[in-house]
C-alpha atoms as a PDB file:
ATOM      1  CA  MET A   1     -43.619 -20.369  32.994  1.00  0.00           C
ATOM      2  CA  LYS A   2     -41.571 -17.688  31.236  1.00  0.00           C
ATOM      3  CA  ILE A   3     -39.668 -16.854  34.417  1.00  0.00           C
ATOM      4  CA  ARG A   4     -38.618 -20.493  34.823  1.00  0.00           C
ATOM      5  CA  THR A   5     -37.404 -20.608  31.233  1.00  0.00           C
ATOM      6  CA  VAL A   6     -35.409 -17.412  31.637  1.00  0.00           C
ATOM      7  CA  MET A   7     -33.911 -18.644  34.931  1.00  0.00           C
ATOM      8  CA  PHE A   8     -32.960 -21.957  33.307  1.00  0.00           C
ATOM      9  CA  VAL A   9     -31.227 -20.180  30.422  1.00  0.00           C
ATOM     10  CA  VAL A  10     -29.345 -17.834  32.760  1.00  0.00           C
ATOM     11  CA  VAL A  11     -28.193 -20.629  35.074  1.00  0.00           C
ATOM     12  CA  SER A  12     -27.163 -22.787  32.115  1.00  0.00           C
ATOM     13  CA  ALA A  13     -25.143 -19.945  30.642  1.00  0.00           C
ATOM     14  CA  LEU A  14     -23.373 -19.326  33.952  1.00  0.00           C
ATOM     15  CA  ILE A  15     -22.480 -22.987  34.340  1.00  0.00           C
ATOM     16  CA  CYS A  16     -21.156 -23.240  30.785  1.00  0.00           C
ATOM     17  CA  SER A  17     -19.159 -20.022  31.008  1.00  0.00           C
ATOM     18  CA  SER A  18     -17.419 -21.099  34.223  1.00  0.00           C
ATOM     19  CA  ALA A  19     -16.507 -24.451  32.680  1.00  0.00           C
ATOM     20  CA  PHE A  20     -14.931 -22.747  29.677  1.00  0.00           C
ATOM     21  CA  ALA A  21     -13.239 -20.068  31.781  1.00  0.00           C
ATOM     22  CA  GLY A  22     -10.871 -22.651  33.259  1.00  0.00           C
ATOM     23  CA  ASP A  23      -9.876 -23.876  29.827  1.00  0.00           C
ATOM     24  CA  ASP A  24      -9.315 -20.291  28.708  1.00  0.00           C
ATOM     25  CA  LEU A  25      -7.033 -19.653  31.695  1.00  0.00           C
ATOM     26  CA  CYS A  26      -5.042 -22.787  30.884  1.00  0.00           C
ATOM     27  CA  THR A  27      -4.742 -21.737  27.240  1.00  0.00           C
ATOM     28  CA  ASN A  28      -3.869 -18.133  28.103  1.00  0.00           C
ATOM     29  CA  ASN A  29      -1.234 -19.187  30.631  1.00  0.00           C
ATOM     30  CA  LEU A  30       0.340 -21.552  28.105  1.00  0.00           C
ATOM     31  CA  ALA A  31       0.398 -18.737  25.544  1.00  0.00           C
ATOM     32  CA  GLN A  32       2.139 -16.462  28.061  1.00  0.00           C
ATOM     33  CA  MET A  33       4.686 -19.188  28.770  1.00  0.00           C
ATOM     34  CA  GLU A  34       5.363 -19.705  25.075  1.00  0.00           C
ATOM     35  CA  GLN A  35       5.770 -15.975  24.576  1.00  0.00           C
ATOM     36  CA  LEU A  36       8.342 -15.898  27.387  1.00  0.00           C
ATOM     37  CA  MET A  37      10.125 -18.910  25.896  1.00  0.00           C
ATOM     38  CA  ASN A  38      10.400 -17.109  22.544  1.00  0.00           C
ATOM     39  CA  THR A  39      11.518 -13.796  24.020  1.00  0.00           C
ATOM     40  CA  ARG A  40      15.181 -12.956  24.343  1.00  0.00           C
ATOM     41  CA  GLY A  41      16.854 -10.548  26.738  1.00  0.00           C
ATOM     42  CA  LYS A  42      15.606  -9.359  30.094  1.00  0.00           C
ATOM     43  CA  GLU A  43      12.038 -10.467  29.554  1.00  0.00           C
ATOM     44  CA  GLY A  44      12.904 -14.023  28.564  1.00  0.00           C
ATOM     45  CA  ILE A  45      13.537 -17.008  30.767  1.00  0.00           C
ATOM     46  CA  SER A  46      17.166 -17.555  31.617  1.00  0.00           C
ATOM     47  CA  GLY A  47      19.312 -18.762  34.456  1.00  0.00           C
ATOM     48  CA  ALA A  48      19.183 -21.787  36.698  1.00  0.00           C
ATOM     49  CA  ARG A  49      15.408 -22.270  36.586  1.00  0.00           C
ATOM     50  CA  VAL A  50      15.067 -22.596  32.808  1.00  0.00           C
ATOM     51  CA  ASN A  51      14.786 -26.380  32.938  1.00  0.00           C
ATOM     52  CA  GLU A  52      12.110 -26.174  35.640  1.00  0.00           C
ATOM     53  CA  PHE A  53      10.108 -23.697  33.528  1.00  0.00           C
ATOM     54  CA  TYR A  54      10.294 -25.918  30.433  1.00  0.00           C
ATOM     55  CA  ALA A  55       9.410 -29.052  32.439  1.00  0.00           C
ATOM     56  CA  LEU A  56       6.339 -27.339  33.886  1.00  0.00           C
ATOM     57  CA  HIS A  57       5.361 -26.223  30.384  1.00  0.00           C
ATOM     58  CA  ASP A  58       5.606 -29.783  29.076  1.00  0.00           C
ATOM     59  CA  LYS A  59       3.554 -31.149  31.990  1.00  0.00           C
ATOM     60  CA  ALA A  60       0.919 -28.450  31.505  1.00  0.00           C
ATOM     61  CA  LYS A  61       0.618 -29.247  27.774  1.00  0.00           C
ATOM     62  CA  LYS A  62       0.116 -32.935  28.621  1.00  0.00           C
ATOM     63  CA  ALA A  63      -2.486 -32.052  31.243  1.00  0.00           C
ATOM     64  CA  GLN A  64      -4.316 -29.855  28.733  1.00  0.00           C
ATOM     65  CA  ALA A  65      -4.253 -32.631  26.122  1.00  0.00           C
ATOM     66  CA  ALA A  66      -5.659 -35.050  28.716  1.00  0.00           C
ATOM     67  CA  GLY A  67      -8.451 -32.611  29.535  1.00  0.00           C
ATOM     68  CA  ASP A  68      -7.105 -31.964  33.046  1.00  0.00           C
ATOM     69  CA  THR A  69      -7.705 -28.215  33.115  1.00  0.00           C
ATOM     70  CA  LYS A  70      -7.215 -27.962  36.871  1.00  0.00           C
ATOM     71  CA  SER A  71      -3.688 -29.407  36.694  1.00  0.00           C
ATOM     72  CA  CYS A  72      -2.877 -27.315  33.640  1.00  0.00           C
ATOM     73  CA  ILE A  73      -3.822 -24.130  35.480  1.00  0.00           C
ATOM     74  CA  ALA A  74      -1.854 -25.135  38.581  1.00  0.00           C
ATOM     75  CA  LEU A  75       1.262 -25.995  36.565  1.00  0.00           C
ATOM     76  CA  THR A  76       1.164 -22.887  34.388  1.00  0.00           C
ATOM     77  CA  THR A  77       0.507 -20.613  37.347  1.00  0.00           C
ATOM     78  CA  GLN A  78       3.501 -22.134  39.139  1.00  0.00           C
ATOM     79  CA  ALA A  79       5.675 -21.736  36.057  1.00  0.00           C
ATOM     80  CA  LEU A  80       4.661 -18.116  35.503  1.00  0.00           C
ATOM     81  CA  GLN A  81       5.924 -17.292  38.991  1.00  0.00           C
ATOM     82  CA  ILE A  82       9.489 -18.236  37.966  1.00  0.00           C
ATOM     83  CA  PRO A  83      10.232 -15.140  35.857  1.00  0.00           C
ATOM     84  CA  LYS A  84       8.631 -12.942  38.526  1.00  0.00           C
ATOM     85  CA  SER A  85      10.805 -14.432  41.261  1.00  0.00           C
ATOM     86  CA  MET A  86      13.916 -14.070  39.088  1.00  0.00           C
ATOM     87  CA  GLY A  87      13.239 -10.360  38.704  1.00  0.00           C
ATOM     88  CA  LYS A  88      13.266  -9.895  42.472  1.00  0.00           C
ATOM     89  CA  LYS A  89      16.819 -11.141  42.890  1.00  0.00           C
END
């Protein structure tokens, strides 16, 4: 009986932690985006893709507010690639 209880607690904890991990990634990505938006100089967002970056940020915030963590992560991940691609030019 004790083994079943322990297994149930462990499995429950794993399920809950993976559900919250997605939300954390969404929140962390949004925080990174906002930090980039507030940064000036080389590290900040500038150039032709600024509007795209801001539009993705707005969409991600709406997805987060709607509880759509999967879309939020996809949008923020896409947006965070913009500064990386600009550095390669």
